[in-house]
Amino acid sequence: MGYLRSNPTTVCKRPKVGQAEIKPLDNEAANAFTEAIKGHRFENLYLLTMYTGLRRGEVCGLTWDCVDLERGTILINK
């Protein structure tokens, strides 16, 4: 309709989005974590997450139809 001759957002500065630094566990920390979770009701879930690198949403979306024990595979589809 011609009310605005230019886009007023072109002069805006977008805020910088900081990214958290990723600090993977070293062997000593991974072993300590493994010992600390022994017997915990979510031990297998924690180990799966740690050794596969799956994200929280991927792990929470797992269902038994995603697991193929014969092939030893897990399908991530959610």
N, C-alpha and C. Protein backbone atom coordinates (compact mmCIF):
# COMPACT_ATOMS: atom_id res chain seq x y z
N MET A 1 0.82 -1.18 0.00
CA MET A 1 0.00 0.00 0.00
C MET A 1 0.88 1.26 0.00
N GLY A 2 2.21 1.09 0.19
CA GLY A 2 3.11 2.22 0.09
C GLY A 2 3.23 3.06 1.34
N TYR A 3 2.73 2.61 2.48
CA TYR A 3 2.85 3.41 3.70
C TYR A 3 4.31 3.56 4.14
N LEU A 4 5.06 2.49 4.03
CA LEU A 4 6.47 2.51 4.43
C LEU A 4 7.33 2.47 3.17
N ARG A 5 8.29 3.37 3.09
CA ARG A 5 9.17 3.40 1.92
C ARG A 5 10.34 2.44 2.07
N SER A 6 10.68 2.10 3.31
CA SER A 6 11.76 1.14 3.54
C SER A 6 11.42 0.31 4.77
N ASN A 7 12.14 -0.76 4.94
CA ASN A 7 11.92 -1.66 6.06
C ASN A 7 12.65 -1.09 7.28
N PRO A 8 11.94 -0.70 8.33
CA PRO A 8 12.60 -0.11 9.51
C PRO A 8 13.49 -1.09 10.26
N THR A 9 13.33 -2.37 10.05
CA THR A 9 14.16 -3.34 10.77
C THR A 9 15.56 -3.47 10.17
N THR A 10 15.79 -2.91 9.00
CA THR A 10 17.12 -3.03 8.39
C THR A 10 18.18 -2.25 9.16
N VAL A 11 17.80 -1.29 9.97
CA VAL A 11 18.77 -0.51 10.75
C VAL A 11 18.97 -1.08 12.15
N CYS A 12 18.22 -2.11 12.49
CA CYS A 12 18.34 -2.72 13.82
C CYS A 12 19.54 -3.65 13.86
N LYS A 13 20.20 -3.70 15.02
CA LYS A 13 21.30 -4.62 15.23
C LYS A 13 20.77 -5.82 16.00
N ARG A 14 20.99 -7.00 15.45
CA ARG A 14 20.54 -8.22 16.11
C ARG A 14 21.46 -8.54 17.29
N PRO A 15 20.88 -9.02 18.38
CA PRO A 15 21.72 -9.37 19.53
C PRO A 15 22.58 -10.59 19.23
N LYS A 16 23.75 -10.62 19.81
CA LYS A 16 24.64 -11.77 19.67
C LYS A 16 24.14 -12.89 20.57
N VAL A 17 24.12 -14.08 20.04
CA VAL A 17 23.70 -15.24 20.82
C VAL A 17 24.96 -16.01 21.21
N GLY A 18 25.20 -16.07 22.50
CA GLY A 18 26.37 -16.80 22.97
C GLY A 18 26.10 -18.29 23.01
N GLN A 19 27.12 -19.06 22.70
CA GLN A 19 26.99 -20.50 22.74
C GLN A 19 27.80 -21.04 23.91
N ALA A 20 27.20 -21.93 24.64
CA ALA A 20 27.89 -22.54 25.77
C ALA A 20 29.01 -23.43 25.26
N GLU A 21 30.13 -23.39 25.97
CA GLU A 21 31.26 -24.22 25.60
C GLU A 21 30.98 -25.66 25.98
N ILE A 22 31.23 -26.57 25.06
CA ILE A 22 31.01 -28.00 25.31
C ILE A 22 32.26 -28.56 25.97
N LYS A 23 32.07 -29.24 27.09
CA LYS A 23 33.19 -29.82 27.83
C LYS A 23 32.94 -31.32 27.96
N PRO A 24 33.42 -32.13 27.01
CA PRO A 24 33.21 -33.58 27.10
C PRO A 24 33.98 -34.17 28.27
N LEU A 25 33.49 -35.29 28.76
CA LEU A 25 34.16 -35.97 29.86
C LEU A 25 35.44 -36.64 29.37
N ASP A 26 36.50 -36.56 30.18
CA ASP A 26 37.69 -37.33 29.86
C ASP A 26 37.49 -38.74 30.43
N ASN A 27 38.45 -39.63 30.20
CA ASN A 27 38.29 -41.03 30.63
C ASN A 27 38.10 -41.14 32.14
N GLU A 28 38.84 -40.36 32.88
CA GLU A 28 38.74 -40.42 34.34
C GLU A 28 37.35 -39.98 34.82
N ALA A 29 36.84 -38.91 34.25
CA ALA A 29 35.52 -38.42 34.64
C ALA A 29 34.42 -39.39 34.19
N ALA A 30 34.58 -39.98 33.00
CA ALA A 30 33.59 -40.95 32.52
C ALA A 30 33.55 -42.17 33.42
N ASN A 31 34.73 -42.64 33.85
CA ASN A 31 34.78 -43.78 34.77
C ASN A 31 34.15 -43.44 36.12
N ALA A 32 34.42 -42.24 36.62
CA ALA A 32 33.84 -41.81 37.90
C ALA A 32 32.32 -41.71 37.78
N PHE A 33 31.84 -41.19 36.67
CA PHE A 33 30.40 -41.08 36.46
C PHE A 33 29.77 -42.47 36.41
N THR A 34 30.41 -43.38 35.68
CA THR A 34 29.90 -44.75 35.55
C THR A 34 29.80 -45.41 36.93
N GLU A 35 30.81 -45.21 37.77
CA GLU A 35 30.77 -45.77 39.13
C GLU A 35 29.68 -45.12 39.97
N ALA A 36 29.49 -43.82 39.80
CA ALA A 36 28.51 -43.08 40.61
C ALA A 36 27.07 -43.48 40.30
N ILE A 37 26.80 -43.91 39.08
CA ILE A 37 25.42 -44.23 38.71
C ILE A 37 25.09 -45.70 38.84
N LYS A 38 26.05 -46.52 39.25
CA LYS A 38 25.78 -47.96 39.40
C LYS A 38 24.61 -48.17 40.34
N GLY A 39 23.64 -48.96 39.87
CA GLY A 39 22.48 -49.27 40.69
C GLY A 39 21.36 -48.24 40.61
N HIS A 40 21.62 -47.11 39.96
CA HIS A 40 20.57 -46.09 39.82
C HIS A 40 19.51 -46.62 38.86
N ARG A 41 18.27 -46.25 39.08
CA ARG A 41 17.19 -46.78 38.23
C ARG A 41 17.32 -46.33 36.77
N PHE A 42 18.03 -45.24 36.51
CA PHE A 42 18.24 -44.78 35.14
C PHE A 42 19.66 -45.04 34.64
N GLU A 43 20.35 -45.98 35.25
CA GLU A 43 21.74 -46.26 34.88
C GLU A 43 21.88 -46.55 33.38
N ASN A 44 21.04 -47.42 32.86
CA ASN A 44 21.14 -47.78 31.43
C ASN A 44 20.87 -46.58 30.53
N LEU A 45 19.94 -45.75 30.92
CA LEU A 45 19.63 -44.55 30.15
C LEU A 45 20.81 -43.59 30.13
N TYR A 46 21.45 -43.40 31.29
CA TYR A 46 22.62 -42.53 31.37
C TYR A 46 23.77 -43.07 30.53
N LEU A 47 23.99 -44.38 30.60
CA LEU A 47 25.08 -44.98 29.83
C LEU A 47 24.82 -44.87 28.33
N LEU A 48 23.59 -45.11 27.92
CA LEU A 48 23.22 -44.97 26.51
C LEU A 48 23.49 -43.56 26.03
N THR A 49 23.09 -42.59 26.82
CA THR A 49 23.28 -41.19 26.46
C THR A 49 24.77 -40.84 26.37
N MET A 50 25.53 -41.29 27.35
CA MET A 50 26.95 -40.95 27.39
C MET A 50 27.73 -41.60 26.24
N TYR A 51 27.46 -42.85 25.94
CA TYR A 51 28.26 -43.56 24.95
C TYR A 51 27.79 -43.38 23.51
N THR A 52 26.57 -42.89 23.31
CA THR A 52 26.10 -42.68 21.94
C THR A 52 26.12 -41.22 21.52
N GLY A 53 26.12 -40.31 22.49
CA GLY A 53 26.09 -38.89 22.14
C GLY A 53 24.71 -38.39 21.76
N LEU A 54 23.69 -39.18 22.06
CA LEU A 54 22.32 -38.75 21.76
C LEU A 54 21.96 -37.53 22.59
N ARG A 55 21.11 -36.69 22.02
CA ARG A 55 20.61 -35.53 22.76
C ARG A 55 19.44 -35.94 23.64
N ARG A 56 19.10 -35.09 24.59
CA ARG A 56 18.03 -35.40 25.54
C ARG A 56 16.72 -35.74 24.84
N GLY A 57 16.33 -34.94 23.86
CA GLY A 57 15.08 -35.19 23.15
C GLY A 57 15.08 -36.50 22.39
N GLU A 58 16.25 -36.86 21.85
CA GLU A 58 16.36 -38.13 21.12
C GLU A 58 16.23 -39.31 22.07
N VAL A 59 16.85 -39.22 23.22
CA VAL A 59 16.76 -40.30 24.21
C VAL A 59 15.34 -40.41 24.75
N CYS A 60 14.73 -39.28 25.05
CA CYS A 60 13.36 -39.31 25.60
C CYS A 60 12.35 -39.81 24.57
N GLY A 61 12.65 -39.68 23.29
CA GLY A 61 11.74 -40.14 22.24
C GLY A 61 11.88 -41.61 21.89
N LEU A 62 12.84 -42.30 22.50
CA LEU A 62 13.03 -43.71 22.19
C LEU A 62 11.87 -44.56 22.70
N THR A 63 11.48 -45.50 21.87
CA THR A 63 10.48 -46.50 22.25
C THR A 63 11.03 -47.86 21.84
N TRP A 64 10.42 -48.92 22.35
CA TRP A 64 10.96 -50.25 22.08
C TRP A 64 10.93 -50.62 20.60
N ASP A 65 10.02 -50.03 19.83
CA ASP A 65 10.01 -50.35 18.40
C ASP A 65 11.21 -49.73 17.67
N CYS A 66 11.95 -48.85 18.33
CA CYS A 66 13.16 -48.25 17.75
C CYS A 66 14.39 -49.11 17.99
N VAL A 67 14.27 -50.13 18.84
CA VAL A 67 15.42 -50.95 19.23
C VAL A 67 15.37 -52.28 18.49
N ASP A 68 16.47 -52.61 17.82
CA ASP A 68 16.59 -53.90 17.14
C ASP A 68 17.73 -54.66 17.83
N LEU A 69 17.38 -55.55 18.75
CA LEU A 69 18.38 -56.29 19.52
C LEU A 69 19.15 -57.28 18.65
N GLU A 70 18.52 -57.83 17.62
CA GLU A 70 19.20 -58.80 16.75
C GLU A 70 20.33 -58.13 15.97
N ARG A 71 20.10 -56.95 15.46
CA ARG A 71 21.11 -56.22 14.70
C ARG A 71 22.00 -55.35 15.60
N GLY A 72 21.55 -55.11 16.81
CA GLY A 72 22.30 -54.25 17.71
C GLY A 72 22.23 -52.79 17.31
N THR A 73 21.04 -52.36 16.84
CA THR A 73 20.89 -50.98 16.37
C THR A 73 19.73 -50.29 17.09
N ILE A 74 19.81 -48.97 17.06
CA ILE A 74 18.74 -48.13 17.59
C ILE A 74 18.37 -47.15 16.50
N LEU A 75 17.09 -47.02 16.21
CA LEU A 75 16.61 -46.08 15.20
C LEU A 75 16.17 -44.79 15.90
N ILE A 76 16.78 -43.68 15.52
CA ILE A 76 16.41 -42.38 16.08
C ILE A 76 15.49 -41.71 15.07
N ASN A 77 14.19 -41.65 15.39
CA ASN A 77 13.24 -41.08 14.44
C ASN A 77 12.27 -40.09 15.08
N LYS A 78 12.53 -39.71 16.31
CA LYS A 78 11.65 -38.75 16.99
C LYS A 78 12.47 -37.63 17.57
